[in-house]
PDB file of all heavy atoms in Angstrom:
ATOM      1  N   PRO A   1     -17.183   7.123  -1.933  1.00  0.00           N
ATOM      2  CA  PRO A   1     -15.968   7.730  -2.472  1.00  0.00           C
ATOM      3  C   PRO A   1     -15.349   8.711  -1.481  1.00  0.00           C
ATOM      4  O   PRO A   1     -16.054   9.520  -0.868  1.00  0.00           O
ATOM      5  CB  PRO A   1     -16.464   8.458  -3.734  1.00  0.00           C
ATOM      6  CG  PRO A   1     -17.697   7.723  -4.138  1.00  0.00           C
ATOM      7  CD  PRO A   1     -18.342   7.306  -2.850  1.00  0.00           C
ATOM      8  N   GLY A   2     -14.027   8.615  -1.291  1.00  0.00           N
ATOM      9  CA  GLY A   2     -13.328   9.509  -0.388  1.00  0.00           C
ATOM     10  C   GLY A   2     -13.469   9.183   1.079  1.00  0.00           C
ATOM     11  O   GLY A   2     -12.957   9.919   1.928  1.00  0.00           O
ATOM     12  N   ARG A   3     -14.116   8.076   1.406  1.00  0.00           N
ATOM     13  CA  ARG A   3     -14.335   7.721   2.809  1.00  0.00           C
ATOM     14  C   ARG A   3     -13.313   6.673   3.248  1.00  0.00           C
ATOM     15  O   ARG A   3     -13.401   5.513   2.844  1.00  0.00           O
ATOM     16  CB  ARG A   3     -15.753   7.187   3.005  1.00  0.00           C
ATOM     17  CG  ARG A   3     -16.126   6.923   4.458  1.00  0.00           C
ATOM     18  CD  ARG A   3     -17.538   6.388   4.577  1.00  0.00           C
ATOM     19  NE  ARG A   3     -17.860   6.048   5.944  1.00  0.00           N
ATOM     20  CZ  ARG A   3     -18.427   6.888   6.814  1.00  0.00           C
ATOM     21  NH1 ARG A   3     -18.740   8.105   6.424  1.00  0.00           N
ATOM     22  NH2 ARG A   3     -18.693   6.507   8.048  1.00  0.00           N
ATOM     23  N   PRO A   4     -12.341   7.043   4.102  1.00  0.00           N
ATOM     24  CA  PRO A   4     -11.307   6.088   4.528  1.00  0.00           C
ATOM     25  C   PRO A   4     -11.718   5.322   5.777  1.00  0.00           C
ATOM     26  O   PRO A   4     -11.259   5.603   6.890  1.00  0.00           O
ATOM     27  CB  PRO A   4     -10.112   7.005   4.790  1.00  0.00           C
ATOM     28  CG  PRO A   4     -10.720   8.289   5.252  1.00  0.00           C
ATOM     29  CD  PRO A   4     -12.054   8.410   4.556  1.00  0.00           C
ATOM     30  N   ASP A   5     -12.582   4.336   5.630  1.00  0.00           N
ATOM     31  CA  ASP A   5     -13.117   3.625   6.795  1.00  0.00           C
ATOM     32  C   ASP A   5     -12.123   2.646   7.408  1.00  0.00           C
ATOM     33  O   ASP A   5     -11.909   2.644   8.612  1.00  0.00           O
ATOM     34  CB  ASP A   5     -14.394   2.861   6.404  1.00  0.00           C
ATOM     35  CG  ASP A   5     -15.541   3.790   6.059  1.00  0.00           C
ATOM     36  OD1 ASP A   5     -15.590   4.897   6.623  1.00  0.00           O
ATOM     37  OD2 ASP A   5     -16.376   3.419   5.221  1.00  0.00           O
ATOM     38  N   MET A   6     -11.522   1.781   6.581  1.00  0.00           N
ATOM     39  CA  MET A   6     -10.638   0.746   7.106  1.00  0.00           C
ATOM     40  C   MET A   6      -9.314   0.771   6.367  1.00  0.00           C
ATOM     41  O   MET A   6      -9.282   0.643   5.143  1.00  0.00           O
ATOM     42  CB  MET A   6     -11.281  -0.635   6.948  1.00  0.00           C
ATOM     43  CG  MET A   6     -10.564  -1.716   7.744  1.00  0.00           C
ATOM     44  SD  MET A   6     -10.873  -3.373   7.092  1.00  0.00           S
ATOM     45  CE  MET A   6      -9.773  -3.400   5.687  1.00  0.00           C
ATOM     46  N   PRO A   7      -8.188   0.935   7.087  1.00  0.00           N
ATOM     47  CA  PRO A   7      -6.890   1.005   6.408  1.00  0.00           C
ATOM     48  C   PRO A   7      -6.413  -0.360   5.936  1.00  0.00           C
ATOM     49  O   PRO A   7      -6.660  -1.375   6.572  1.00  0.00           O
ATOM     50  CB  PRO A   7      -5.965   1.569   7.485  1.00  0.00           C
ATOM     51  CG  PRO A   7      -6.591   1.129   8.774  1.00  0.00           C
ATOM     52  CD  PRO A   7      -8.082   1.144   8.535  1.00  0.00           C
ATOM     53  N   CYS A   8      -5.739  -0.370   4.815  1.00  0.00           N
ATOM     54  CA  CYS A   8      -5.054  -1.567   4.319  1.00  0.00           C
ATOM     55  C   CYS A   8      -3.573  -1.403   4.654  1.00  0.00           C
ATOM     56  O   CYS A   8      -2.822  -0.751   3.923  1.00  0.00           O
ATOM     57  CB  CYS A   8      -5.242  -1.711   2.811  1.00  0.00           C
ATOM     58  SG  CYS A   8      -6.957  -1.987   2.321  1.00  0.00           S
ATOM     59  N   GLY A   9      -3.168  -1.939   5.782  1.00  0.00           N
ATOM     60  CA  GLY A   9      -1.792  -1.779   6.215  1.00  0.00           C
ATOM     61  C   GLY A   9      -1.553  -0.393   6.788  1.00  0.00           C
ATOM     62  O   GLY A   9      -2.460   0.247   7.327  1.00  0.00           O
ATOM     63  N   SER A  10      -0.320   0.080   6.656  1.00  0.00           N
ATOM     64  CA  SER A  10       0.101   1.340   7.249  1.00  0.00           C
ATOM     65  C   SER A  10       0.177   2.439   6.211  1.00  0.00           C
ATOM     66  O   SER A  10       0.205   2.180   5.011  1.00  0.00           O
ATOM     67  CB  SER A  10       1.474   1.171   7.910  1.00  0.00           C
ATOM     68  OG  SER A  10       1.451   0.164   8.893  1.00  0.00           O
ATOM     69  N   LEU A  11       0.237   3.678   6.677  1.00  0.00           N
ATOM     70  CA  LEU A  11       0.509   4.782   5.783  1.00  0.00           C
ATOM     71  C   LEU A  11       1.904   4.625   5.198  1.00  0.00           C
ATOM     72  O   LEU A  11       2.848   4.252   5.901  1.00  0.00           O
ATOM     73  CB  LEU A  11       0.414   6.110   6.526  1.00  0.00           C
ATOM     74  CG  LEU A  11      -0.969   6.581   6.963  1.00  0.00           C
ATOM     75  CD1 LEU A  11      -0.847   7.880   7.746  1.00  0.00           C
ATOM     76  CD2 LEU A  11      -1.887   6.769   5.771  1.00  0.00           C
ATOM     77  N   VAL A  12       2.036   4.882   3.927  1.00  0.00           N
ATOM     78  CA  VAL A  12       3.334   4.826   3.259  1.00  0.00           C
ATOM     79  C   VAL A  12       3.905   6.239   3.279  1.00  0.00           C
ATOM     80  O   VAL A  12       3.349   7.146   2.665  1.00  0.00           O
ATOM     81  CB  VAL A  12       3.187   4.316   1.808  1.00  0.00           C
ATOM     82  CG1 VAL A  12       4.549   4.192   1.144  1.00  0.00           C
ATOM     83  CG2 VAL A  12       2.471   2.975   1.807  1.00  0.00           C
ATOM     84  N   THR A  13       4.996   6.424   3.993  1.00  0.00           N
ATOM     85  CA  THR A  13       5.488   7.773   4.237  1.00  0.00           C
ATOM     86  C   THR A  13       6.618   8.201   3.318  1.00  0.00           C
ATOM     87  O   THR A  13       6.952   9.376   3.267  1.00  0.00           O
ATOM     88  CB  THR A  13       5.970   7.910   5.687  1.00  0.00           C
ATOM     89  OG1 THR A  13       7.035   6.971   5.924  1.00  0.00           O
ATOM     90  CG2 THR A  13       4.837   7.639   6.654  1.00  0.00           C
ATOM     91  N   LYS A  14       7.213   7.250   2.601  1.00  0.00           N
ATOM     92  CA  LYS A  14       8.303   7.627   1.702  1.00  0.00           C
ATOM     93  C   LYS A  14       8.484   6.569   0.630  1.00  0.00           C
ATOM     94  O   LYS A  14       8.008   5.437   0.751  1.00  0.00           O
ATOM     95  CB  LYS A  14       9.606   7.818   2.476  1.00  0.00           C
ATOM     96  CG  LYS A  14      10.114   6.557   3.169  1.00  0.00           C
ATOM     97  CD  LYS A  14      11.393   6.838   3.943  1.00  0.00           C
ATOM     98  CE  LYS A  14      11.884   5.576   4.650  1.00  0.00           C
ATOM     99  NZ  LYS A  14      13.127   5.828   5.403  1.00  0.00           N
ATOM    100  N   GLU A  15       9.185   6.938  -0.429  1.00  0.00           N
ATOM    101  CA  GLU A  15       9.469   6.016  -1.532  1.00  0.00           C
ATOM    102  C   GLU A  15      10.198   4.788  -1.004  1.00  0.00           C
ATOM    103  O   GLU A  15      11.126   4.883  -0.202  1.00  0.00           O
ATOM    104  CB  GLU A  15      10.332   6.716  -2.580  1.00  0.00           C
ATOM    105  CG  GLU A  15      10.722   5.842  -3.756  1.00  0.00           C
ATOM    106  CD  GLU A  15       9.548   5.534  -4.676  1.00  0.00           C
ATOM    107  OE1 GLU A  15       8.576   6.305  -4.668  1.00  0.00           O
ATOM    108  OE2 GLU A  15       9.622   4.534  -5.385  1.00  0.00           O
ATOM    109  N   GLY A  16       9.748   3.600  -1.428  1.00  0.00           N
ATOM    110  CA  GLY A  16      10.404   2.371  -1.015  1.00  0.00           C
ATOM    111  C   GLY A  16       9.842   1.753   0.246  1.00  0.00           C
ATOM    112  O   GLY A  16      10.264   0.692   0.657  1.00  0.00           O
ATOM    113  N   GLN A  17       8.850   2.403   0.888  1.00  0.00           N
ATOM    114  CA  GLN A  17       8.298   1.886   2.129  1.00  0.00           C
ATOM    115  C   GLN A  17       6.860   1.453   1.893  1.00  0.00           C
ATOM    116  O   GLN A  17       5.983   2.275   1.653  1.00  0.00           O
ATOM    117  CB  GLN A  17       8.337   2.968   3.211  1.00  0.00           C
ATOM    118  CG  GLN A  17       7.817   2.484   4.559  1.00  0.00           C
ATOM    119  CD  GLN A  17       7.732   3.625   5.546  1.00  0.00           C
ATOM    120  OE1 GLN A  17       7.028   4.595   5.305  1.00  0.00           O
ATOM    121  NE2 GLN A  17       8.435   3.518   6.651  1.00  0.00           N
ATOM    122  N   ALA A  18       6.607   0.156   1.947  1.00  0.00           N
ATOM    123  CA  ALA A  18       5.259  -0.373   1.753  1.00  0.00           C
ATOM    124  C   ALA A  18       5.257  -1.839   2.110  1.00  0.00           C
ATOM    125  O   ALA A  18       6.260  -2.385   2.561  1.00  0.00           O
ATOM    126  CB  ALA A  18       4.800  -0.160   0.310  1.00  0.00           C
ATOM    127  N   ALA A  19       4.120  -2.488   1.899  1.00  0.00           N
ATOM    128  CA  ALA A  19       4.029  -3.906   2.200  1.00  0.00           C
ATOM    129  C   ALA A  19       4.977  -4.708   1.321  1.00  0.00           C
ATOM    130  O   ALA A  19       5.659  -5.615   1.780  1.00  0.00           O
ATOM    131  CB  ALA A  19       2.599  -4.387   2.013  1.00  0.00           C
ATOM    132  N   PHE A  20       5.040  -4.369   0.044  1.00  0.00           N
ATOM    133  CA  PHE A  20       5.958  -5.006  -0.898  1.00  0.00           C
ATOM    134  C   PHE A  20       6.548  -3.906  -1.773  1.00  0.00           C
ATOM    135  O   PHE A  20       5.799  -3.176  -2.412  1.00  0.00           O
ATOM    136  CB  PHE A  20       5.231  -6.004  -1.808  1.00  0.00           C
ATOM    137  CG  PHE A  20       4.427  -7.035  -1.078  1.00  0.00           C
ATOM    138  CD1 PHE A  20       3.069  -6.878  -0.922  1.00  0.00           C
ATOM    139  CD2 PHE A  20       5.027  -8.160  -0.551  1.00  0.00           C
ATOM    140  CE1 PHE A  20       2.309  -7.817  -0.255  1.00  0.00           C
ATOM    141  CE2 PHE A  20       4.272  -9.101   0.125  1.00  0.00           C
ATOM    142  CZ  PHE A  20       2.917  -8.939   0.271  1.00  0.00           C
ATOM    143  N   ARG A  21       7.859  -3.785  -1.819  1.00  0.00           N
ATOM    144  CA  ARG A  21       8.432  -2.741  -2.661  1.00  0.00           C
ATOM    145  C   ARG A  21       9.912  -3.013  -2.881  1.00  0.00           C
ATOM    146  O   ARG A  21      10.626  -3.412  -1.985  1.00  0.00           O
ATOM    147  CB  ARG A  21       8.273  -1.360  -2.016  1.00  0.00           C
ATOM    148  CG  ARG A  21       8.673  -0.202  -2.938  1.00  0.00           C
ATOM    149  CD  ARG A  21       7.671  -0.059  -4.066  1.00  0.00           C
ATOM    150  NE  ARG A  21       7.840   1.206  -4.768  1.00  0.00           N
ATOM    151  CZ  ARG A  21       8.381   1.296  -5.976  1.00  0.00           C
ATOM    152  NH1 ARG A  21       8.799   0.234  -6.603  1.00  0.00           N
ATOM    153  NH2 ARG A  21       8.486   2.479  -6.570  1.00  0.00           N
ATOM    154  N   ALA A  22      10.372  -2.788  -4.089  1.00  0.00           N
ATOM    155  CA  ALA A  22      11.791  -2.839  -4.409  1.00  0.00           C
ATOM    156  C   ALA A  22      12.005  -1.976  -5.626  1.00  0.00           C
ATOM    157  O   ALA A  22      11.080  -1.736  -6.399  1.00  0.00           O
ATOM    158  CB  ALA A  22      12.251  -4.272  -4.680  1.00  0.00           C
ATOM    159  N   PRO A  23      13.232  -1.461  -5.814  1.00  0.00           N
ATOM    160  CA  PRO A  23      13.482  -0.617  -6.982  1.00  0.00           C
ATOM    161  C   PRO A  23      13.219  -1.368  -8.275  1.00  0.00           C
ATOM    162  O   PRO A  23      13.413  -2.572  -8.353  1.00  0.00           O
ATOM    163  CB  PRO A  23      14.961  -0.249  -6.836  1.00  0.00           C
ATOM    164  CG  PRO A  23      15.265  -0.439  -5.390  1.00  0.00           C
ATOM    165  CD  PRO A  23      14.402  -1.598  -4.955  1.00  0.00           C
ATOM    166  N   GLY A  24      12.790  -0.660  -9.275  1.00  0.00           N
ATOM    167  CA  GLY A  24      12.558  -1.283 -10.575  1.00  0.00           C
ATOM    168  C   GLY A  24      11.656  -0.426 -11.419  1.00  0.00           C
ATOM    169  O   GLY A  24      10.761   0.242 -10.900  1.00  0.00           O
ATOM    170  N   LYS A  25      11.868  -0.440 -12.707  1.00  0.00           N
ATOM    171  CA  LYS A  25      11.058   0.357 -13.617  1.00  0.00           C
ATOM    172  C   LYS A  25       9.620  -0.128 -13.579  1.00  0.00           C
ATOM    173  O   LYS A  25       9.350  -1.319 -13.719  1.00  0.00           O
ATOM    174  CB  LYS A  25      11.621   0.265 -15.035  1.00  0.00           C
ATOM    175  CG  LYS A  25      10.843   1.091 -16.064  1.00  0.00           C
ATOM    176  CD  LYS A  25      11.505   1.017 -17.418  1.00  0.00           C
ATOM    177  CE  LYS A  25      10.656   1.705 -18.485  1.00  0.00           C
ATOM    178  NZ  LYS A  25      10.380   3.117 -18.157  1.00  0.00           N
ATOM    179  N   ASP A  26       8.689   0.792 -13.400  1.00  0.00           N
ATOM    180  CA  ASP A  26       7.252   0.503 -13.379  1.00  0.00           C
ATOM    181  C   ASP A  26       6.842  -0.442 -12.255  1.00  0.00           C
ATOM    182  O   ASP A  26       5.782  -1.072 -12.325  1.00  0.00           O
ATOM    183  CB  ASP A  26       6.795  -0.084 -14.727  1.00  0.00           C
ATOM    184  CG  ASP A  26       6.955   0.901 -15.872  1.00  0.00           C
ATOM    185  OD1 ASP A  26       6.907   2.111 -15.607  1.00  0.00           O
ATOM    186  OD2 ASP A  26       7.129   0.454 -17.026  1.00  0.00           O
ATOM    187  N   ALA A  27       7.649  -0.577 -11.213  1.00  0.00           N
ATOM    188  CA  ALA A  27       7.275  -1.445 -10.095  1.00  0.00           C
ATOM    189  C   ALA A  27       6.218  -0.761  -9.245  1.00  0.00           C
ATOM    190  O   ALA A  27       6.370   0.401  -8.882  1.00  0.00           O
ATOM    191  CB  ALA A  27       8.497  -1.771  -9.241  1.00  0.00           C
ATOM    192  N   PRO A  28       5.127  -1.466  -8.918  1.00  0.00           N
ATOM    193  CA  PRO A  28       4.075  -0.831  -8.111  1.00  0.00           C
ATOM    194  C   PRO A  28       4.410  -0.862  -6.631  1.00  0.00           C
ATOM    195  O   PRO A  28       5.269  -1.611  -6.182  1.00  0.00           O
ATOM    196  CB  PRO A  28       2.856  -1.703  -8.404  1.00  0.00           C
ATOM    197  CG  PRO A  28       3.451  -3.063  -8.576  1.00  0.00           C
ATOM    198  CD  PRO A  28       4.767  -2.841  -9.281  1.00  0.00           C
ATOM    199  N   ILE A  29       3.706  -0.052  -5.884  1.00  0.00           N
ATOM    200  CA  ILE A  29       3.703  -0.128  -4.430  1.00  0.00           C
ATOM    201  C   ILE A  29       2.468  -0.943  -4.074  1.00  0.00           C
ATOM    202  O   ILE A  29       1.355  -0.586  -4.454  1.00  0.00           O
ATOM    203  CB  ILE A  29       3.634   1.272  -3.809  1.00  0.00           C
ATOM    204  CG1 ILE A  29       4.820   2.110  -4.273  1.00  0.00           C
ATOM    205  CG2 ILE A  29       3.591   1.198  -2.289  1.00  0.00           C
ATOM    206  CD1 ILE A  29       4.687   3.584  -3.960  1.00  0.00           C
ATOM    207  N   VAL A  30       2.648  -2.040  -3.364  1.00  0.00           N
ATOM    208  CA  VAL A  30       1.550  -2.982  -3.132  1.00  0.00           C
ATOM    209  C   VAL A  30       1.229  -3.043  -1.648  1.00  0.00           C
ATOM    210  O   VAL A  30       2.099  -3.304  -0.822  1.00  0.00           O
ATOM    211  CB  VAL A  30       1.904  -4.388  -3.654  1.00  0.00           C
ATOM    212  CG1 VAL A  30       0.716  -5.335  -3.477  1.00  0.00           C
ATOM    213  CG2 VAL A  30       2.321  -4.322  -5.111  1.00  0.00           C
ATOM    214  N   LEU A  31      -0.013  -2.779  -1.304  1.00  0.00           N
ATOM    215  CA  LEU A  31      -0.473  -2.875   0.075  1.00  0.00           C
ATOM    216  C   LEU A  31      -1.469  -4.013   0.200  1.00  0.00           C
ATOM    217  O   LEU A  31      -2.142  -4.380  -0.778  1.00  0.00           O
ATOM    218  CB  LEU A  31      -1.113  -1.551   0.526  1.00  0.00           C
ATOM    219  CG  LEU A  31      -0.114  -0.399   0.665  1.00  0.00           C
ATOM    220  CD1 LEU A  31      -0.050   0.410  -0.621  1.00  0.00           C
ATOM    221  CD2 LEU A  31      -0.478   0.504   1.834  1.00  0.00           C
ATOM    222  N   ASP A  32      -1.562  -4.578   1.396  1.00  0.00           N
ATOM    223  CA  ASP A  32      -2.368  -5.772   1.618  1.00  0.00           C
ATOM    224  C   ASP A  32      -3.602  -5.428   2.444  1.00  0.00           C
ATOM    225  O   ASP A  32      -3.499  -4.945   3.570  1.00  0.00           O
ATOM    226  CB  ASP A  32      -1.525  -6.817   2.355  1.00  0.00           C
ATOM    227  CG  ASP A  32      -2.191  -8.180   2.380  1.00  0.00           C
ATOM    228  OD1 ASP A  32      -3.283  -8.316   1.803  1.00  0.00           O
ATOM    229  OD2 ASP A  32      -1.614  -9.117   2.965  1.00  0.00           O
ATOM    230  N   CYS A  33      -4.772  -5.678   1.870  1.00  0.00           N
ATOM    231  CA  CYS A  33      -6.036  -5.466   2.584  1.00  0.00           C
ATOM    232  C   CYS A  33      -6.486  -6.715   3.324  1.00  0.00           C
ATOM    233  O   CYS A  33      -7.577  -6.736   3.916  1.00  0.00           O
ATOM    234  CB  CYS A  33      -7.119  -5.004   1.619  1.00  0.00           C
ATOM    235  SG  CYS A  33      -6.791  -3.394   0.866  1.00  0.00           S
ATOM    236  N   SER A  34      -5.694  -7.781   3.249  1.00  0.00           N
ATOM    237  CA  SER A  34      -5.884  -8.993   4.061  1.00  0.00           C
ATOM    238  C   SER A  34      -7.236  -9.658   3.871  1.00  0.00           C
ATOM    239  O   SER A  34      -7.770 -10.273   4.798  1.00  0.00           O
ATOM    240  CB  SER A  34      -5.673  -8.670   5.549  1.00  0.00           C
ATOM    241  OG  SER A  34      -4.383  -8.139   5.754  1.00  0.00           O
ATOM    242  N   GLY A  35      -7.814  -9.543   2.690  1.00  0.00           N
ATOM    243  CA  GLY A  35      -9.070 -10.223   2.423  1.00  0.00           C
ATOM    244  C   GLY A  35     -10.294  -9.555   3.011  1.00  0.00           C
ATOM    245  O   GLY A  35     -11.373 -10.157   3.058  1.00  0.00           O
ATOM    246  N   ALA A  36     -10.153  -8.319   3.456  1.00  0.00           N
ATOM    247  CA  ALA A  36     -11.308  -7.613   4.035  1.00  0.00           C
ATOM    248  C   ALA A  36     -12.405  -7.446   2.992  1.00  0.00           C
ATOM    249  O   ALA A  36     -12.117  -7.158   1.824  1.00  0.00           O
ATOM    250  CB  ALA A  36     -10.877  -6.250   4.561  1.00  0.00           C
ATOM    251  N   PRO A  37     -13.665  -7.616   3.374  1.00  0.00           N
ATOM    252  CA  PRO A  37     -14.759  -7.466   2.405  1.00  0.00           C
ATOM    253  C   PRO A  37     -14.925  -6.019   1.988  1.00  0.00           C
ATOM    254  O   PRO A  37     -14.873  -5.105   2.816  1.00  0.00           O
ATOM    255  CB  PRO A  37     -15.984  -7.978   3.168  1.00  0.00           C
ATOM    256  CG  PRO A  37     -15.635  -7.796   4.609  1.00  0.00           C
ATOM    257  CD  PRO A  37     -14.162  -8.003   4.710  1.00  0.00           C
TER     258      PRO A  37
END
């Protein structure tokens, strides 16, 4: 817990910036871990 060993994509620095994102009610910010174990 709390150990950031391997990043899933990039740091998200602002609203609307992520692997998948668009405006919308209850829309999640989705990052891709690319199948890492």
